[in-house]
Amino acid sequence: MREWLRETHGPRFELLRHFLRRFFDSELITAPGHASAALIAVVSLCLPWFQLLIGPLKQKYSHLSALPVPGPYREALRADELWLITLMMSLIGLLTAFRWQALFPDLLDYRALGSLPLRARQIFVAKFMVLLIVAAAALILLNAIPSAGFPALSAGRWAFHGPRVKAYTLASIAACAFFFFGLVAMQGLLLNLLRPRAFGRVTGNLQGLLVALMLALIVMSFSTSRPSRMP
């Protein structure tokens, strides 16, 4: 497999490999390829926070499962499902905001690849395919932990049975995809409406605003995990 990857396999494959390697590189990373180490460090810092939620959730649902009526348990379950969907949407929005400048090919991409016998359409299609691949991987990875772990933590005698877990997983992935492609469509609209200089200024300010907004949504999402009081 390694020998096959070292060989050249045509312009489409090579463009995909080029953009996939460069997708996570930025001006903050001094050398190409160091983005993977940075991503591993970020994931290592974020994983312990998931462990902090396991104990309280397990204790809460153990208590609610011991109640004589299913109302409080199922109300808390619906609220936590809404919280997780909102949290996953905010996280995918934050990742999209961080990589805001890499969603579409920029002028540097066309200048770097313009000397090669490639069409502008080939460059755009390759970059968009890489965007879809990275987005699909992010959607699956972000939703894998809550989709597999939350049903185990919330298991109890009042738990819903049947296709509810699959429905929750599909709803979370669909919500994240809608949020992601909405942000991509926003940048595509601005790309077509604004001139290059104005686009750079507007999107630079918009990126900072989106990062702050997504962080605020992550914090505010925890308020949805509190079920409303039953009348």
Protein backbone atom coordinates (compact mmCIF):
# COMPACT_ATOMS: atom_id res chain seq x y z
CA MET A 1 0.00 0.00 0.00
CA ARG A 2 2.82 2.41 0.84
CA GLU A 3 4.54 1.71 -2.45
CA TRP A 4 1.28 2.37 -4.29
CA LEU A 5 0.82 5.69 -2.49
CA ARG A 6 4.34 6.80 -3.41
CA GLU A 7 3.52 6.49 -7.08
CA THR A 8 1.74 9.09 -9.20
CA HIS A 9 -1.85 8.21 -10.10
CA GLY A 10 -3.14 10.99 -12.28
CA PRO A 11 -4.13 14.64 -11.72
CA ARG A 12 -7.37 13.98 -9.83
CA PHE A 13 -5.80 11.70 -7.26
CA GLU A 14 -2.75 13.91 -6.84
CA LEU A 15 -4.90 17.00 -6.36
CA LEU A 16 -6.94 15.19 -3.72
CA ARG A 17 -3.77 14.10 -1.95
CA HIS A 18 -2.30 17.61 -2.15
CA PHE A 19 -5.35 19.36 -0.70
CA LEU A 20 -5.90 16.66 1.91
CA ARG A 21 -2.35 17.05 3.20
CA ARG A 22 -2.60 20.84 3.24
CA PHE A 23 -6.12 21.15 4.61
CA PHE A 24 -5.08 21.47 8.27
CA ASP A 25 -1.97 23.54 7.64
CA SER A 26 -2.14 27.21 8.53
CA GLU A 27 0.08 30.21 9.14
CA LEU A 28 0.37 29.18 12.79
CA ILE A 29 2.14 25.95 11.75
CA THR A 30 5.71 26.50 10.68
CA ALA A 31 6.28 23.35 8.64
CA PRO A 32 4.00 21.21 6.47
CA GLY A 33 2.79 18.07 8.15
CA HIS A 34 2.96 19.46 11.68
CA ALA A 35 -0.82 19.90 11.68
CA SER A 36 -1.33 16.24 12.58
CA ALA A 37 0.71 16.66 15.77
CA ALA A 38 -1.28 19.77 16.64
CA LEU A 39 -4.58 17.94 16.11
CA ILE A 40 -3.44 15.04 18.31
CA ALA A 41 -2.53 17.50 21.06
CA VAL A 42 -5.94 19.19 20.84
CA VAL A 43 -7.78 15.85 20.97
CA SER A 44 -5.66 14.77 23.95
CA LEU A 45 -6.67 17.91 25.80
CA CYS A 46 -10.37 17.53 24.96
CA LEU A 47 -10.84 13.83 25.77
CA PRO A 48 -10.54 14.23 29.59
CA TRP A 49 -13.52 16.60 29.53
CA PHE A 50 -15.76 13.78 28.30
CA GLN A 51 -14.78 11.72 31.33
CA LEU A 52 -16.03 14.47 33.62
CA LEU A 53 -19.54 14.03 32.22
CA ILE A 54 -19.70 10.24 32.59
CA GLY A 55 -20.02 10.15 36.38
CA PRO A 56 -22.80 12.77 36.77
CA LEU A 57 -24.84 11.35 33.87
CA LYS A 58 -24.60 7.80 35.17
CA GLN A 59 -25.54 8.87 38.69
CA LYS A 60 -28.46 10.94 37.43
CA TYR A 61 -30.01 8.17 35.37
CA SER A 62 -29.46 5.60 38.10
CA HIS A 63 -31.48 7.82 40.42
CA LEU A 64 -34.20 8.50 37.84
CA SER A 65 -34.48 4.79 36.99
CA ALA A 66 -35.29 4.03 40.63
CA LEU A 67 -38.32 6.36 40.63
CA PRO A 68 -41.76 4.73 40.53
CA VAL A 69 -42.91 6.73 37.47
CA PRO A 70 -41.18 7.11 34.08
CA GLY A 71 -41.98 10.80 33.60
CA PRO A 72 -38.87 12.43 35.13
CA TYR A 73 -36.55 9.89 33.52
CA ARG A 74 -37.89 10.32 30.00
CA GLU A 75 -38.10 14.09 30.30
CA ALA A 76 -34.45 14.21 31.34
CA LEU A 77 -33.58 11.87 28.47
CA ARG A 78 -35.21 14.13 25.89
CA ALA A 79 -33.46 17.19 27.35
CA ASP A 80 -30.06 15.50 27.27
CA GLU A 81 -30.56 14.33 23.70
CA LEU A 82 -31.36 17.90 22.71
CA TRP A 83 -28.27 19.07 24.59
CA LEU A 84 -26.01 16.59 22.81
CA ILE A 85 -27.38 17.50 19.39
CA THR A 86 -26.88 21.21 20.12
CA LEU A 87 -23.38 20.53 21.46
CA MET A 88 -22.38 18.52 18.37
CA MET A 89 -23.73 21.25 16.08
CA SER A 90 -21.72 23.86 17.99
CA LEU A 91 -18.55 21.76 17.79
CA ILE A 92 -18.83 21.20 14.04
CA GLY A 93 -19.51 24.91 13.66
CA LEU A 94 -16.40 25.71 15.71
CA LEU A 95 -14.24 23.42 13.58
CA THR A 96 -15.66 25.00 10.42
CA ALA A 97 -14.95 28.48 11.75
CA PHE A 98 -11.36 27.53 12.60
CA ARG A 99 -10.79 26.26 9.05
CA TRP A 100 -12.82 29.08 7.48
CA GLN A 101 -10.05 30.06 5.07
CA ALA A 102 -9.60 26.49 3.80
CA LEU A 103 -13.17 25.78 2.71
CA PHE A 104 -12.68 26.95 -0.88
CA PRO A 105 -9.58 27.27 -3.09
CA ASP A 106 -7.97 30.66 -2.68
CA LEU A 107 -5.75 32.73 -4.94
CA LEU A 108 -2.60 31.07 -3.58
CA ASP A 109 -3.90 27.64 -4.58
CA TYR A 110 -4.53 28.76 -8.14
CA ARG A 111 -1.16 30.48 -8.35
CA ALA A 112 0.72 27.47 -6.98
CA LEU A 113 -1.05 25.04 -9.31
CA GLY A 114 -1.56 27.39 -12.25
CA SER A 115 1.74 26.43 -13.89
CA LEU A 116 0.60 22.80 -14.15
CA PRO A 117 -1.60 21.55 -17.00
CA LEU A 118 -4.72 21.77 -14.84
CA ARG A 119 -8.03 23.52 -15.29
CA ALA A 120 -9.51 25.80 -12.66
CA ARG A 121 -12.51 23.49 -12.52
CA GLN A 122 -10.30 20.52 -11.64
CA ILE A 123 -8.73 22.45 -8.77
CA PHE A 124 -12.11 23.54 -7.42
CA VAL A 125 -13.65 20.05 -7.67
CA ALA A 126 -10.63 18.46 -5.94
CA LYS A 127 -10.75 20.99 -3.08
CA PHE A 128 -14.50 20.51 -2.68
CA MET A 129 -14.12 16.71 -2.61
CA VAL A 130 -11.50 17.02 0.13
CA LEU A 131 -13.90 19.29 2.02
CA LEU A 132 -16.61 16.62 1.79
CA ILE A 133 -14.21 13.88 2.93
CA VAL A 134 -13.02 15.88 5.95
CA ALA A 135 -16.58 16.94 6.81
CA ALA A 136 -17.85 13.35 6.66
CA ALA A 137 -14.99 12.15 8.88
CA ALA A 138 -15.62 14.96 11.38
CA LEU A 139 -19.36 14.27 11.49
CA ILE A 140 -18.83 10.57 12.12
CA LEU A 141 -16.10 11.03 14.74
CA LEU A 142 -17.93 13.74 16.66
CA ASN A 143 -21.17 11.78 16.82
CA ALA A 144 -19.59 8.37 17.46
CA ILE A 145 -18.88 8.93 21.17
CA PRO A 146 -22.31 10.31 22.23
CA SER A 147 -24.21 7.92 19.94
CA ALA A 148 -22.48 4.91 21.47
CA GLY A 149 -21.88 6.13 25.02
CA PHE A 150 -25.06 8.03 25.91
CA PRO A 151 -27.47 5.06 25.47
CA ALA A 152 -25.20 3.00 27.74
CA LEU A 153 -25.07 5.74 30.40
CA SER A 154 -28.83 6.39 30.28
CA ALA A 155 -29.86 2.73 30.32
CA GLY A 156 -32.55 1.92 32.86
CA ARG A 157 -35.93 0.31 33.33
CA TRP A 158 -37.72 3.41 31.94
CA ALA A 159 -35.49 3.67 28.88
CA PHE A 160 -37.03 3.88 25.43
CA HIS A 161 -36.67 0.76 23.32
CA GLY A 162 -36.69 0.25 19.57
CA PRO A 163 -35.12 2.47 16.91
CA ARG A 164 -34.76 5.54 19.16
CA VAL A 165 -30.95 5.28 19.30
CA LYS A 166 -30.70 5.14 15.52
CA ALA A 167 -33.13 8.04 15.21
CA TYR A 168 -31.06 10.12 17.63
CA THR A 169 -27.83 9.32 15.74
CA LEU A 170 -29.36 10.22 12.38
CA ALA A 171 -30.88 13.41 13.81
CA SER A 172 -27.53 14.49 15.29
CA ILE A 173 -25.58 13.79 12.09
CA ALA A 174 -28.23 15.54 9.97
CA ALA A 175 -28.24 18.59 12.27
CA CYS A 176 -24.43 18.83 12.15
CA ALA A 177 -24.43 18.44 8.36
CA PHE A 178 -27.06 21.16 8.01
CA PHE A 179 -25.03 23.49 10.22
CA PHE A 180 -21.80 22.75 8.35
CA PHE A 181 -23.19 23.17 4.84
CA GLY A 182 -25.03 26.30 5.95
CA LEU A 183 -21.71 27.91 6.89
CA VAL A 184 -20.14 26.68 3.64
CA ALA A 185 -23.05 28.15 1.66
CA MET A 186 -22.63 31.45 3.51
CA GLN A 187 -18.99 31.69 2.48
CA GLY A 188 -19.83 30.65 -1.10
CA LEU A 189 -22.44 33.39 -1.28
CA LEU A 190 -19.99 36.00 -0.01
CA LEU A 191 -17.38 34.72 -2.45
CA ASN A 192 -19.70 35.43 -5.35
CA LEU A 193 -21.04 38.76 -4.08
CA LEU A 194 -17.87 40.48 -2.86
CA ARG A 195 -14.68 41.50 -4.60
CA PRO A 196 -11.44 39.77 -3.51
CA ARG A 197 -10.24 42.60 -1.23
CA ALA A 198 -13.64 43.13 0.35
CA PHE A 199 -14.07 39.37 0.70
CA GLY A 200 -10.79 39.10 2.63
CA ARG A 201 -11.78 41.85 5.06
CA VAL A 202 -15.34 40.65 5.59
CA THR A 203 -14.52 36.97 6.00
CA GLY A 204 -11.63 37.73 8.35
CA ASN A 205 -13.96 39.59 10.70
CA LEU A 206 -16.70 37.01 10.17
CA GLN A 207 -14.36 34.17 11.11
CA GLY A 208 -13.57 35.77 14.47
CA LEU A 209 -17.27 36.41 15.07
CA LEU A 210 -18.16 32.81 14.23
CA VAL A 211 -15.51 31.40 16.56
CA ALA A 212 -16.83 33.53 19.43
CA LEU A 213 -20.43 32.60 18.58
CA MET A 214 -19.69 28.86 18.45
CA LEU A 215 -17.89 29.00 21.80
CA ALA A 216 -20.90 30.80 23.28
CA LEU A 217 -23.23 28.15 21.82
CA ILE A 218 -21.14 25.37 23.36
CA VAL A 219 -21.49 26.96 26.79
CA MET A 220 -25.18 27.74 26.34
CA SER A 221 -25.93 24.21 25.10
CA PHE A 222 -25.54 22.90 28.65
CA SER A 223 -28.66 24.83 29.65
CA THR A 224 -30.77 22.60 27.37
CA SER A 225 -29.86 19.54 29.46
CA ARG A 226 -32.07 20.80 32.26
CA PRO A 227 -35.61 19.56 31.67
CA SER A 228 -38.48 21.93 32.25
CA ARG A 229 -40.65 21.28 35.26
CA MET A 230 -43.73 19.25 34.65
CA PRO A 231 -46.95 21.09 35.43
